[in-house]
Amino acid sequence: MDIAEELGSDLVEISPNATPPVCKVMDYKKFVYEQKKREKALKAKASKVVVKEIRFGPNTDDHDYQFKKKHAEKFLKDGAKLKAYVFFKGRSIIYKDQGEILLLRLAQELEDYGKVEQMPRLEGKRMTMFIAPKKK
């Protein structure tokens, strides 16, 4: 502690459980600042996962389907995950087989751009499927 006071620095305990405890003379505020700076740099390098959604109806027309498929291709090319779902309104739940066929068709046509992460699954009134982009 005397050495730290002479140097005008802080005495920081590194490993309190060791025998004898390990301490280091350093400027503690500078150490904390640099540690935060390193963490911030690591956080900036981490990639953020973007999830884009595309909604279909069980009886989606072919033109609408092609239009939405084109958007899905663009999302996957940009590196975003895709959440495609069929929303069943009212009594349209009786067409759940049509909804599943629609999603499987989409997955098959987007095979070049991404791979299916989760197969179509019915959750309440929606049938969802996730597609992850292929790595370059």
C-alpha atoms as a PDB file:
ATOM      1  CA  MET A   1       0.000   0.000   0.000  1.00  0.00           C
ATOM      2  CA  ASP A   2       2.951   2.323   0.761  1.00  0.00           C
ATOM      3  CA  ILE A   3       4.428   1.720  -2.716  1.00  0.00           C
ATOM      4  CA  ALA A   4       1.048   2.502  -4.349  1.00  0.00           C
ATOM      5  CA  GLU A   5       0.734   5.740  -2.338  1.00  0.00           C
ATOM      6  CA  GLU A   6       4.259   6.821  -3.310  1.00  0.00           C
ATOM      7  CA  LEU A   7       3.476   6.283  -7.005  1.00  0.00           C
ATOM      8  CA  GLY A   8       0.047   7.916  -6.718  1.00  0.00           C
ATOM      9  CA  SER A   9      -1.651   4.766  -8.053  1.00  0.00           C
ATOM     10  CA  ASP A  10      -4.124   2.211  -6.727  1.00  0.00           C
ATOM     11  CA  LEU A  11      -3.396  -1.195  -5.206  1.00  0.00           C
ATOM     12  CA  VAL A  12      -5.730  -3.661  -6.936  1.00  0.00           C
ATOM     13  CA  GLU A  13      -6.335  -7.170  -5.591  1.00  0.00           C
ATOM     14  CA  ILE A  14      -6.177  -9.550  -8.567  1.00  0.00           C
ATOM     15  CA  SER A  15      -6.620 -12.968  -6.961  1.00  0.00           C
ATOM     16  CA  PRO A  16      -7.971 -12.842  -3.384  1.00  0.00           C
ATOM     17  CA  ASN A  17      -8.209 -16.640  -2.945  1.00  0.00           C
ATOM     18  CA  ALA A  18      -4.494 -17.292  -3.618  1.00  0.00           C
ATOM     19  CA  THR A  19      -2.046 -17.673  -0.750  1.00  0.00           C
ATOM     20  CA  PRO A  20      -0.704 -15.006  -0.368  1.00  0.00           C
ATOM     21  CA  PRO A  21      -3.300 -12.787  -2.165  1.00  0.00           C
ATOM     22  CA  VAL A  22      -2.044 -11.366  -5.492  1.00  0.00           C
ATOM     23  CA  CYS A  23      -2.116  -7.568  -5.841  1.00  0.00           C
ATOM     24  CA  LYS A  24      -1.009  -5.154  -8.546  1.00  0.00           C
ATOM     25  CA  VAL A  25      -0.139  -1.468  -8.504  1.00  0.00           C
ATOM     26  CA  MET A  26      -2.015   0.313 -11.325  1.00  0.00           C
ATOM     27  CA  ASP A  27      -4.260   3.223 -12.195  1.00  0.00           C
ATOM     28  CA  TYR A  28      -7.659   1.602 -11.595  1.00  0.00           C
ATOM     29  CA  LYS A  29      -9.769   4.181 -13.456  1.00  0.00           C
ATOM     30  CA  LYS A  30      -7.590   3.810 -16.556  1.00  0.00           C
ATOM     31  CA  PHE A  31      -7.857   0.004 -16.303  1.00  0.00           C
ATOM     32  CA  VAL A  32     -11.681   0.121 -16.097  1.00  0.00           C
ATOM     33  CA  TYR A  33     -11.821   2.597 -19.009  1.00  0.00           C
ATOM     34  CA  GLU A  34      -9.692   0.373 -21.258  1.00  0.00           C
ATOM     35  CA  GLN A  35     -11.707  -2.714 -20.293  1.00  0.00           C
ATOM     36  CA  LYS A  36     -14.958  -0.972 -21.290  1.00  0.00           C
ATOM     37  CA  LYS A  37     -13.319   0.156 -24.530  1.00  0.00           C
ATOM     38  CA  ARG A  38     -12.336  -3.463 -25.363  1.00  0.00           C
ATOM     39  CA  GLU A  39     -15.854  -4.735 -24.574  1.00  0.00           C
ATOM     40  CA  LYS A  40     -17.379  -2.050 -26.791  1.00  0.00           C
ATOM     41  CA  ALA A  41     -15.085  -3.009 -29.684  1.00  0.00           C
ATOM     42  CA  LEU A  42     -16.037  -6.682 -29.320  1.00  0.00           C
ATOM     43  CA  LYS A  43     -19.719  -5.763 -29.203  1.00  0.00           C
ATOM     44  CA  ALA A  44     -19.392  -3.719 -32.398  1.00  0.00           C
ATOM     45  CA  LYS A  45     -17.812  -6.675 -34.215  1.00  0.00           C
ATOM     46  CA  ALA A  46     -20.592  -9.067 -33.157  1.00  0.00           C
ATOM     47  CA  SER A  47     -23.105  -9.617 -35.933  1.00  0.00           C
ATOM     48  CA  LYS A  48     -26.712  -8.763 -35.222  1.00  0.00           C
ATOM     49  CA  VAL A  49     -29.282 -11.259 -36.451  1.00  0.00           C
ATOM     50  CA  VAL A  50     -32.091  -9.574 -38.374  1.00  0.00           C
ATOM     51  CA  VAL A  51     -35.350 -11.501 -38.766  1.00  0.00           C
ATOM     52  CA  LYS A  52     -37.610 -10.488 -41.655  1.00  0.00           C
ATOM     53  CA  GLU A  53     -41.198 -11.727 -41.810  1.00  0.00           C
ATOM     54  CA  ILE A  54     -43.338 -12.642 -44.795  1.00  0.00           C
ATOM     55  CA  ARG A  55     -47.032 -13.337 -44.319  1.00  0.00           C
ATOM     56  CA  PHE A  56     -49.181 -15.519 -46.531  1.00  0.00           C
ATOM     57  CA  GLY A  57     -52.824 -16.515 -46.478  1.00  0.00           C
ATOM     58  CA  PRO A  58     -53.822 -20.134 -47.059  1.00  0.00           C
ATOM     59  CA  ASN A  59     -55.265 -19.222 -50.488  1.00  0.00           C
ATOM     60  CA  THR A  60     -52.528 -16.814 -51.624  1.00  0.00           C
ATOM     61  CA  ASP A  61     -52.705 -16.196 -55.376  1.00  0.00           C
ATOM     62  CA  ASP A  62     -49.748 -17.180 -57.589  1.00  0.00           C
ATOM     63  CA  HIS A  63     -48.813 -13.592 -58.485  1.00  0.00           C
ATOM     64  CA  ASP A  64     -48.807 -12.530 -54.820  1.00  0.00           C
ATOM     65  CA  TYR A  65     -46.762 -15.611 -53.986  1.00  0.00           C
ATOM     66  CA  GLN A  66     -44.140 -14.791 -56.661  1.00  0.00           C
ATOM     67  CA  PHE A  67     -43.980 -11.168 -55.451  1.00  0.00           C
ATOM     68  CA  LYS A  68     -43.393 -12.233 -51.841  1.00  0.00           C
ATOM     69  CA  LYS A  69     -40.891 -14.902 -52.907  1.00  0.00           C
ATOM     70  CA  LYS A  70     -38.835 -12.217 -54.665  1.00  0.00           C
ATOM     71  CA  HIS A  71     -38.725 -10.222 -51.421  1.00  0.00           C
ATOM     72  CA  ALA A  72     -37.731 -13.354 -49.502  1.00  0.00           C
ATOM     73  CA  GLU A  73     -34.811 -13.913 -51.913  1.00  0.00           C
ATOM     74  CA  LYS A  74     -33.653 -10.333 -51.359  1.00  0.00           C
ATOM     75  CA  PHE A  75     -33.832 -10.721 -47.553  1.00  0.00           C
ATOM     76  CA  LEU A  76     -31.800 -13.942 -47.641  1.00  0.00           C
ATOM     77  CA  LYS A  77     -29.216 -12.416 -50.011  1.00  0.00           C
ATOM     78  CA  ASP A  78     -28.801  -9.514 -47.570  1.00  0.00           C
ATOM     79  CA  GLY A  79     -28.052 -12.028 -44.793  1.00  0.00           C
ATOM     80  CA  ALA A  80     -31.273 -11.737 -42.781  1.00  0.00           C
ATOM     81  CA  LYS A  81     -33.165 -14.711 -41.395  1.00  0.00           C
ATOM     82  CA  LEU A  82     -36.613 -15.243 -42.846  1.00  0.00           C
ATOM     83  CA  LYS A  83     -39.753 -16.061 -40.910  1.00  0.00           C
ATOM     84  CA  ALA A  84     -42.454 -17.101 -43.346  1.00  0.00           C
ATOM     85  CA  TYR A  85     -45.891 -17.753 -41.953  1.00  0.00           C
ATOM     86  CA  VAL A  86     -49.391 -18.542 -43.104  1.00  0.00           C
ATOM     87  CA  PHE A  87     -52.074 -16.780 -41.075  1.00  0.00           C
ATOM     88  CA  PHE A  88     -55.437 -18.541 -40.810  1.00  0.00           C
ATOM     89  CA  LYS A  89     -58.407 -16.196 -40.275  1.00  0.00           C
ATOM     90  CA  GLY A  90     -61.733 -17.482 -38.993  1.00  0.00           C
ATOM     91  CA  ARG A  91     -62.677 -20.819 -40.516  1.00  0.00           C
ATOM     92  CA  SER A  92     -59.764 -20.867 -42.954  1.00  0.00           C
ATOM     93  CA  ILE A  93     -57.987 -23.153 -40.453  1.00  0.00           C
ATOM     94  CA  ILE A  94     -59.545 -26.051 -42.384  1.00  0.00           C
ATOM     95  CA  TYR A  95     -56.992 -25.302 -45.146  1.00  0.00           C
ATOM     96  CA  LYS A  96     -53.945 -25.990 -42.973  1.00  0.00           C
ATOM     97  CA  ASP A  97     -52.708 -28.589 -45.475  1.00  0.00           C
ATOM     98  CA  GLN A  98     -52.733 -25.888 -48.200  1.00  0.00           C
ATOM     99  CA  GLY A  99     -50.736 -23.606 -45.887  1.00  0.00           C
ATOM    100  CA  GLU A 100     -48.134 -26.284 -45.273  1.00  0.00           C
ATOM    101  CA  ILE A 101     -47.850 -27.004 -49.019  1.00  0.00           C
ATOM    102  CA  LEU A 102     -47.352 -23.276 -49.641  1.00  0.00           C
ATOM    103  CA  LEU A 103     -44.525 -23.017 -47.086  1.00  0.00           C
ATOM    104  CA  LEU A 104     -42.811 -26.185 -48.297  1.00  0.00           C
ATOM    105  CA  ARG A 105     -42.995 -24.882 -51.880  1.00  0.00           C
ATOM    106  CA  LEU A 106     -41.378 -21.630 -50.719  1.00  0.00           C
ATOM    107  CA  ALA A 107     -38.622 -23.565 -48.925  1.00  0.00           C
ATOM    108  CA  GLN A 108     -37.946 -25.642 -52.029  1.00  0.00           C
ATOM    109  CA  GLU A 109     -37.758 -22.584 -54.306  1.00  0.00           C
ATOM    110  CA  LEU A 110     -35.451 -20.715 -51.896  1.00  0.00           C
ATOM    111  CA  GLU A 111     -33.061 -23.674 -51.534  1.00  0.00           C
ATOM    112  CA  ASP A 112     -30.301 -21.796 -53.402  1.00  0.00           C
ATOM    113  CA  TYR A 113     -30.416 -18.828 -50.991  1.00  0.00           C
ATOM    114  CA  GLY A 114     -30.999 -20.420 -47.590  1.00  0.00           C
ATOM    115  CA  LYS A 115     -31.692 -23.582 -45.671  1.00  0.00           C
ATOM    116  CA  VAL A 116     -34.740 -24.411 -43.584  1.00  0.00           C
ATOM    117  CA  GLU A 117     -34.012 -23.919 -39.899  1.00  0.00           C
ATOM    118  CA  GLN A 118     -37.438 -24.994 -38.681  1.00  0.00           C
ATOM    119  CA  MET A 119     -40.000 -26.940 -40.717  1.00  0.00           C
ATOM    120  CA  PRO A 120     -43.584 -25.590 -40.880  1.00  0.00           C
ATOM    121  CA  ARG A 121     -45.241 -25.852 -37.477  1.00  0.00           C
ATOM    122  CA  LEU A 122     -48.754 -24.821 -36.480  1.00  0.00           C
ATOM    123  CA  GLU A 123     -48.909 -22.482 -33.480  1.00  0.00           C
ATOM    124  CA  GLY A 124     -52.438 -21.334 -32.780  1.00  0.00           C
ATOM    125  CA  LYS A 125     -53.744 -19.661 -35.943  1.00  0.00           C
ATOM    126  CA  ARG A 126     -50.354 -19.388 -37.677  1.00  0.00           C
ATOM    127  CA  MET A 127     -48.114 -21.903 -39.334  1.00  0.00           C
ATOM    128  CA  THR A 128     -44.499 -20.688 -39.149  1.00  0.00           C
ATOM    129  CA  MET A 129     -41.266 -21.717 -40.816  1.00  0.00           C
ATOM    130  CA  PHE A 130     -37.761 -20.261 -40.403  1.00  0.00           C
ATOM    131  CA  ILE A 131     -35.154 -20.065 -43.168  1.00  0.00           C
ATOM    132  CA  ALA A 132     -31.546 -19.097 -42.444  1.00  0.00           C
ATOM    133  CA  PRO A 133     -29.336 -17.579 -45.157  1.00  0.00           C
ATOM    134  CA  LYS A 134     -26.519 -19.665 -46.621  1.00  0.00           C
ATOM    135  CA  LYS A 135     -23.004 -18.546 -45.744  1.00  0.00           C
ATOM    136  CA  LYS A 136     -20.919 -17.073 -48.540  1.00  0.00           C
END
